[in-house]
Amino acid sequence: MTSIPSGYPSDQLEAFALLATREKLSIDDMKILALLEAAGEAFYFAAADAVEREEAKDLLRRNGQEERGHAHRLLKAIELLGGEFTLPADVDNPYVQPMDLAGIINADLLNIIQQSEQDGDLQYQAWADAESNQHVAKILRQNGAEETRHGERVAQVVALLG
């Protein structure tokens, strides 16, 4: 199991909340964020498994795949800043939790997720603004823009499940 660096919470929501207090991301912050983004894939895949409509499943899976892509971009950002990190398999990622979301996915939860994705874009843009390495800033901006698209897809899922 990949260990969480000292000073970082083991709970996903607490870890996101801590990172949101950072004006600029450190390499360790980016490692945590990469782990959290990879865990986002597992969440979206579990959400896809919990809905009936194929179109909704596809939208949620696409979000999950892009969350994994965010993690891989963060690995590149870490490298650009002189660090190194390897994304562990899900079984070794301390933020990936097995979950069964059957009966839990509803419009209220999806609306919260949609808002969280929009907030994620804003946070990524703030981190990009504070980043002096323009290549890293570009990565952060791209991840952020995709977070907004994730929220848009979640809104589509709400409409489909209406």
C-alpha atoms as a PDB file:
ATOM      1  CA  MET A   1       0.000   0.000   0.000  1.00  0.00           C
ATOM      2  CA  THR A   2       1.246   3.462  -0.895  1.00  0.00           C
ATOM      3  CA  SER A   3       1.573   5.460   2.278  1.00  0.00           C
ATOM      4  CA  ILE A   4       0.177   8.919   2.738  1.00  0.00           C
ATOM      5  CA  PRO A   5       2.897  11.471   3.514  1.00  0.00           C
ATOM      6  CA  SER A   6       2.966  12.722   7.090  1.00  0.00           C
ATOM      7  CA  GLY A   7       0.569  15.578   7.748  1.00  0.00           C
ATOM      8  CA  TYR A   8      -2.045  14.533   5.203  1.00  0.00           C
ATOM      9  CA  PRO A   9      -5.405  13.044   6.210  1.00  0.00           C
ATOM     10  CA  SER A  10      -6.358   9.513   5.271  1.00  0.00           C
ATOM     11  CA  ASP A  11      -9.951  10.565   4.602  1.00  0.00           C
ATOM     12  CA  GLN A  12     -10.659  11.706   1.014  1.00  0.00           C
ATOM     13  CA  LEU A  13     -12.869  14.646   1.909  1.00  0.00           C
ATOM     14  CA  GLU A  14     -10.460  15.865   4.573  1.00  0.00           C
ATOM     15  CA  ALA A  15      -7.560  15.544   2.126  1.00  0.00           C
ATOM     16  CA  PHE A  16      -9.421  17.591  -0.506  1.00  0.00           C
ATOM     17  CA  ALA A  17     -10.281  20.180   2.154  1.00  0.00           C
ATOM     18  CA  LEU A  18      -6.635  20.439   3.178  1.00  0.00           C
ATOM     19  CA  LEU A  19      -5.460  20.855  -0.415  1.00  0.00           C
ATOM     20  CA  ALA A  20      -8.082  23.567  -0.938  1.00  0.00           C
ATOM     21  CA  THR A  21      -6.317  25.628   1.723  1.00  0.00           C
ATOM     22  CA  ARG A  22      -3.102  25.614  -0.309  1.00  0.00           C
ATOM     23  CA  GLU A  23      -2.399  28.684  -2.384  1.00  0.00           C
ATOM     24  CA  LYS A  24       0.282  26.805  -4.335  1.00  0.00           C
ATOM     25  CA  LEU A  25       0.702  23.049  -4.577  1.00  0.00           C
ATOM     26  CA  SER A  26       3.884  21.415  -3.343  1.00  0.00           C
ATOM     27  CA  ILE A  27       5.152  18.175  -4.846  1.00  0.00           C
ATOM     28  CA  ASP A  28       3.679  16.248  -1.895  1.00  0.00           C
ATOM     29  CA  ASP A  29       0.360  18.054  -2.424  1.00  0.00           C
ATOM     30  CA  MET A  30       0.413  16.932  -6.055  1.00  0.00           C
ATOM     31  CA  LYS A  31       1.110  13.346  -4.996  1.00  0.00           C
ATOM     32  CA  ILE A  32      -1.945  13.416  -2.730  1.00  0.00           C
ATOM     33  CA  LEU A  33      -4.006  15.050  -5.460  1.00  0.00           C
ATOM     34  CA  ALA A  34      -2.927  12.361  -7.949  1.00  0.00           C
ATOM     35  CA  LEU A  35      -4.050   9.660  -5.513  1.00  0.00           C
ATOM     36  CA  LEU A  36      -7.370  11.445  -5.003  1.00  0.00           C
ATOM     37  CA  GLU A  37      -7.934  11.870  -8.742  1.00  0.00           C
ATOM     38  CA  ALA A  38      -7.270   8.156  -9.275  1.00  0.00           C
ATOM     39  CA  ALA A  39      -9.795   7.423  -6.529  1.00  0.00           C
ATOM     40  CA  GLY A  40     -12.248   9.583  -8.472  1.00  0.00           C
ATOM     41  CA  GLU A  41     -12.125   7.021 -11.251  1.00  0.00           C
ATOM     42  CA  ALA A  42     -13.195   4.287  -8.836  1.00  0.00           C
ATOM     43  CA  PHE A  43     -16.036   6.476  -7.531  1.00  0.00           C
ATOM     44  CA  TYR A  44     -17.389   7.269 -10.988  1.00  0.00           C
ATOM     45  CA  PHE A  45     -17.165   3.634 -12.059  1.00  0.00           C
ATOM     46  CA  ALA A  46     -19.110   2.612  -8.936  1.00  0.00           C
ATOM     47  CA  ALA A  47     -21.674   5.332  -9.703  1.00  0.00           C
ATOM     48  CA  ALA A  48     -21.981   3.995 -13.270  1.00  0.00           C
ATOM     49  CA  ASP A  49     -22.603   0.512 -11.911  1.00  0.00           C
ATOM     50  CA  ALA A  50     -25.393   1.915  -9.725  1.00  0.00           C
ATOM     51  CA  VAL A  51     -27.509   3.429 -12.508  1.00  0.00           C
ATOM     52  CA  GLU A  52     -29.689   1.627 -15.022  1.00  0.00           C
ATOM     53  CA  ARG A  53     -29.557   3.774 -18.165  1.00  0.00           C
ATOM     54  CA  GLU A  54     -26.678   2.935 -20.491  1.00  0.00           C
ATOM     55  CA  GLU A  55     -26.230   6.540 -21.580  1.00  0.00           C
ATOM     56  CA  ALA A  56     -25.889   7.605 -17.940  1.00  0.00           C
ATOM     57  CA  LYS A  57     -23.411   4.789 -17.321  1.00  0.00           C
ATOM     58  CA  ASP A  58     -21.323   5.945 -20.289  1.00  0.00           C
ATOM     59  CA  LEU A  59     -21.234   9.561 -19.075  1.00  0.00           C
ATOM     60  CA  LEU A  60     -20.160   8.534 -15.582  1.00  0.00           C
ATOM     61  CA  ARG A  61     -17.504   6.147 -16.899  1.00  0.00           C
ATOM     62  CA  ARG A  62     -16.114   8.880 -19.155  1.00  0.00           C
ATOM     63  CA  ASN A  63     -15.750  11.109 -16.087  1.00  0.00           C
ATOM     64  CA  GLY A  64     -13.956   8.297 -14.294  1.00  0.00           C
ATOM     65  CA  GLN A  65     -11.536   7.769 -17.164  1.00  0.00           C
ATOM     66  CA  GLU A  66     -10.741  11.475 -17.217  1.00  0.00           C
ATOM     67  CA  GLU A  67     -10.158  11.489 -13.445  1.00  0.00           C
ATOM     68  CA  ARG A  68      -7.483   8.856 -14.044  1.00  0.00           C
ATOM     69  CA  GLY A  69      -6.100  11.102 -16.789  1.00  0.00           C
ATOM     70  CA  HIS A  70      -5.889  13.967 -14.280  1.00  0.00           C
ATOM     71  CA  ALA A  71      -3.796  11.745 -12.028  1.00  0.00           C
ATOM     72  CA  HIS A  72      -1.416  10.944 -14.875  1.00  0.00           C
ATOM     73  CA  ARG A  73      -1.086  14.614 -15.789  1.00  0.00           C
ATOM     74  CA  LEU A  74      -0.222  15.355 -12.165  1.00  0.00           C
ATOM     75  CA  LEU A  75       2.554  12.752 -12.390  1.00  0.00           C
ATOM     76  CA  LYS A  76       3.947  14.752 -15.314  1.00  0.00           C
ATOM     77  CA  ALA A  77       3.677  17.981 -13.282  1.00  0.00           C
ATOM     78  CA  ILE A  78       5.555  16.336 -10.400  1.00  0.00           C
ATOM     79  CA  GLU A  79       8.291  15.291 -12.822  1.00  0.00           C
ATOM     80  CA  LEU A  80       8.488  18.804 -14.300  1.00  0.00           C
ATOM     81  CA  LEU A  81       9.043  20.149 -10.792  1.00  0.00           C
ATOM     82  CA  GLY A  82      11.890  17.707 -10.136  1.00  0.00           C
ATOM     83  CA  GLY A  83       9.991  15.098  -8.159  1.00  0.00           C
ATOM     84  CA  GLU A  84       8.980  11.576  -8.930  1.00  0.00           C
ATOM     85  CA  PHE A  85       5.970   9.513  -8.100  1.00  0.00           C
ATOM     86  CA  THR A  86       4.379   6.368  -9.442  1.00  0.00           C
ATOM     87  CA  LEU A  87       0.645   5.996  -9.302  1.00  0.00           C
ATOM     88  CA  PRO A  88      -0.139   2.787  -7.419  1.00  0.00           C
ATOM     89  CA  ALA A  89      -2.684   0.198  -8.438  1.00  0.00           C
ATOM     90  CA  ASP A  90      -6.105   0.897  -6.945  1.00  0.00           C
ATOM     91  CA  VAL A  91      -5.625  -1.833  -4.357  1.00  0.00           C
ATOM     92  CA  ASP A  92      -2.564   0.066  -3.098  1.00  0.00           C
ATOM     93  CA  ASN A  93      -4.133   3.542  -3.251  1.00  0.00           C
ATOM     94  CA  PRO A  94      -5.183   4.487   0.301  1.00  0.00           C
ATOM     95  CA  TYR A  95      -7.957   6.746  -1.036  1.00  0.00           C
ATOM     96  CA  VAL A  96      -9.665   4.066  -3.138  1.00  0.00           C
ATOM     97  CA  GLN A  97     -12.407   2.477  -1.101  1.00  0.00           C
ATOM     98  CA  PRO A  98     -14.619  -0.364  -2.257  1.00  0.00           C
ATOM     99  CA  MET A  99     -18.112   0.995  -2.661  1.00  0.00           C
ATOM    100  CA  ASP A 100     -21.536  -0.132  -3.665  1.00  0.00           C
ATOM    101  CA  LEU A 101     -23.593   2.901  -4.612  1.00  0.00           C
ATOM    102  CA  ALA A 102     -26.731   0.975  -5.594  1.00  0.00           C
ATOM    103  CA  GLY A 103     -29.746   2.870  -4.289  1.00  0.00           C
ATOM    104  CA  ILE A 104     -27.605   5.857  -3.290  1.00  0.00           C
ATOM    105  CA  ILE A 105     -27.218   7.642  -6.634  1.00  0.00           C
ATOM    106  CA  ASN A 106     -30.017  10.200  -6.865  1.00  0.00           C
ATOM    107  CA  ALA A 107     -30.530  13.771  -8.065  1.00  0.00           C
ATOM    108  CA  ASP A 108     -29.555  15.287  -4.698  1.00  0.00           C
ATOM    109  CA  LEU A 109     -26.223  13.459  -4.554  1.00  0.00           C
ATOM    110  CA  LEU A 110     -25.545  14.127  -8.227  1.00  0.00           C
ATOM    111  CA  ASN A 111     -26.209  17.839  -7.738  1.00  0.00           C
ATOM    112  CA  ILE A 112     -23.635  17.884  -4.923  1.00  0.00           C
ATOM    113  CA  ILE A 113     -21.154  16.102  -7.191  1.00  0.00           C
ATOM    114  CA  GLN A 114     -21.868  18.572  -9.990  1.00  0.00           C
ATOM    115  CA  GLN A 115     -21.117  21.509  -7.666  1.00  0.00           C
ATOM    116  CA  SER A 116     -17.980  19.784  -6.408  1.00  0.00           C
ATOM    117  CA  GLU A 117     -16.716  19.423  -9.966  1.00  0.00           C
ATOM    118  CA  GLN A 118     -17.305  23.125 -10.654  1.00  0.00           C
ATOM    119  CA  ASP A 119     -15.522  23.992  -7.401  1.00  0.00           C
ATOM    120  CA  GLY A 120     -12.688  21.702  -8.487  1.00  0.00           C
ATOM    121  CA  ASP A 121     -12.242  23.720 -11.676  1.00  0.00           C
ATOM    122  CA  LEU A 122     -12.022  26.950  -9.697  1.00  0.00           C
ATOM    123  CA  GLN A 123      -9.484  25.398  -7.341  1.00  0.00           C
ATOM    124  CA  TYR A 124      -7.328  24.101 -10.191  1.00  0.00           C
ATOM    125  CA  GLN A 125      -7.405  27.539 -11.828  1.00  0.00           C
ATOM    126  CA  ALA A 126      -6.274  29.171  -8.565  1.00  0.00           C
ATOM    127  CA  TRP A 127      -3.406  26.692  -8.235  1.00  0.00           C
ATOM    128  CA  ALA A 128      -2.451  27.338 -11.868  1.00  0.00           C
ATOM    129  CA  ASP A 129      -2.434  31.088 -11.251  1.00  0.00           C
ATOM    130  CA  ALA A 130       0.012  30.583  -8.356  1.00  0.00           C
ATOM    131  CA  GLU A 131       2.306  28.228 -10.296  1.00  0.00           C
ATOM    132  CA  SER A 132       5.493  29.751 -11.736  1.00  0.00           C
ATOM    133  CA  ASN A 133       6.257  26.796 -14.023  1.00  0.00           C
ATOM    134  CA  GLN A 134       4.087  27.498 -17.071  1.00  0.00           C
ATOM    135  CA  HIS A 135       4.060  23.846 -18.179  1.00  0.00           C
ATOM    136  CA  VAL A 136       2.737  22.796 -14.775  1.00  0.00           C
ATOM    137  CA  ALA A 137       0.228  25.676 -14.810  1.00  0.00           C
ATOM    138  CA  LYS A 138      -1.040  24.439 -18.188  1.00  0.00           C
ATOM    139  CA  ILE A 139      -1.557  20.942 -16.752  1.00  0.00           C
ATOM    140  CA  LEU A 140      -3.491  22.353 -13.797  1.00  0.00           C
ATOM    141  CA  ARG A 141      -5.665  24.475 -16.094  1.00  0.00           C
ATOM    142  CA  GLN A 142      -6.439  21.490 -18.315  1.00  0.00           C
ATOM    143  CA  ASN A 143      -7.441  19.367 -15.328  1.00  0.00           C
ATOM    144  CA  GLY A 144      -9.650  22.202 -14.113  1.00  0.00           C
ATOM    145  CA  ALA A 145     -11.409  22.672 -17.439  1.00  0.00           C
ATOM    146  CA  GLU A 146     -12.206  18.961 -17.485  1.00  0.00           C
ATOM    147  CA  GLU A 147     -13.688  19.200 -13.985  1.00  0.00           C
ATOM    148  CA  THR A 148     -16.279  21.619 -15.378  1.00  0.00           C
ATOM    149  CA  ARG A 149     -17.036  19.149 -18.183  1.00  0.00           C
ATOM    150  CA  HIS A 150     -17.490  16.445 -15.542  1.00  0.00           C
ATOM    151  CA  GLY A 151     -20.087  18.628 -13.837  1.00  0.00           C
ATOM    152  CA  GLU A 152     -21.854  19.125 -17.148  1.00  0.00           C
ATOM    153  CA  ARG A 153     -21.948  15.369 -17.695  1.00  0.00           C
ATOM    154  CA  VAL A 154     -23.299  14.829 -14.192  1.00  0.00           C
ATOM    155  CA  ALA A 155     -26.072  17.327 -15.018  1.00  0.00           C
ATOM    156  CA  GLN A 156     -26.844  15.228 -18.104  1.00  0.00           C
ATOM    157  CA  VAL A 157     -27.056  12.138 -15.893  1.00  0.00           C
ATOM    158  CA  VAL A 158     -29.528  13.941 -13.595  1.00  0.00           C
ATOM    159  CA  ALA A 159     -31.682  14.738 -16.628  1.00  0.00           C
ATOM    160  CA  LEU A 160     -31.471  11.164 -17.917  1.00  0.00           C
ATOM    161  CA  LEU A 161     -32.436   9.679 -14.576  1.00  0.00           C
ATOM    162  CA  GLY A 162     -35.090  12.404 -14.016  1.00  0.00           C
END
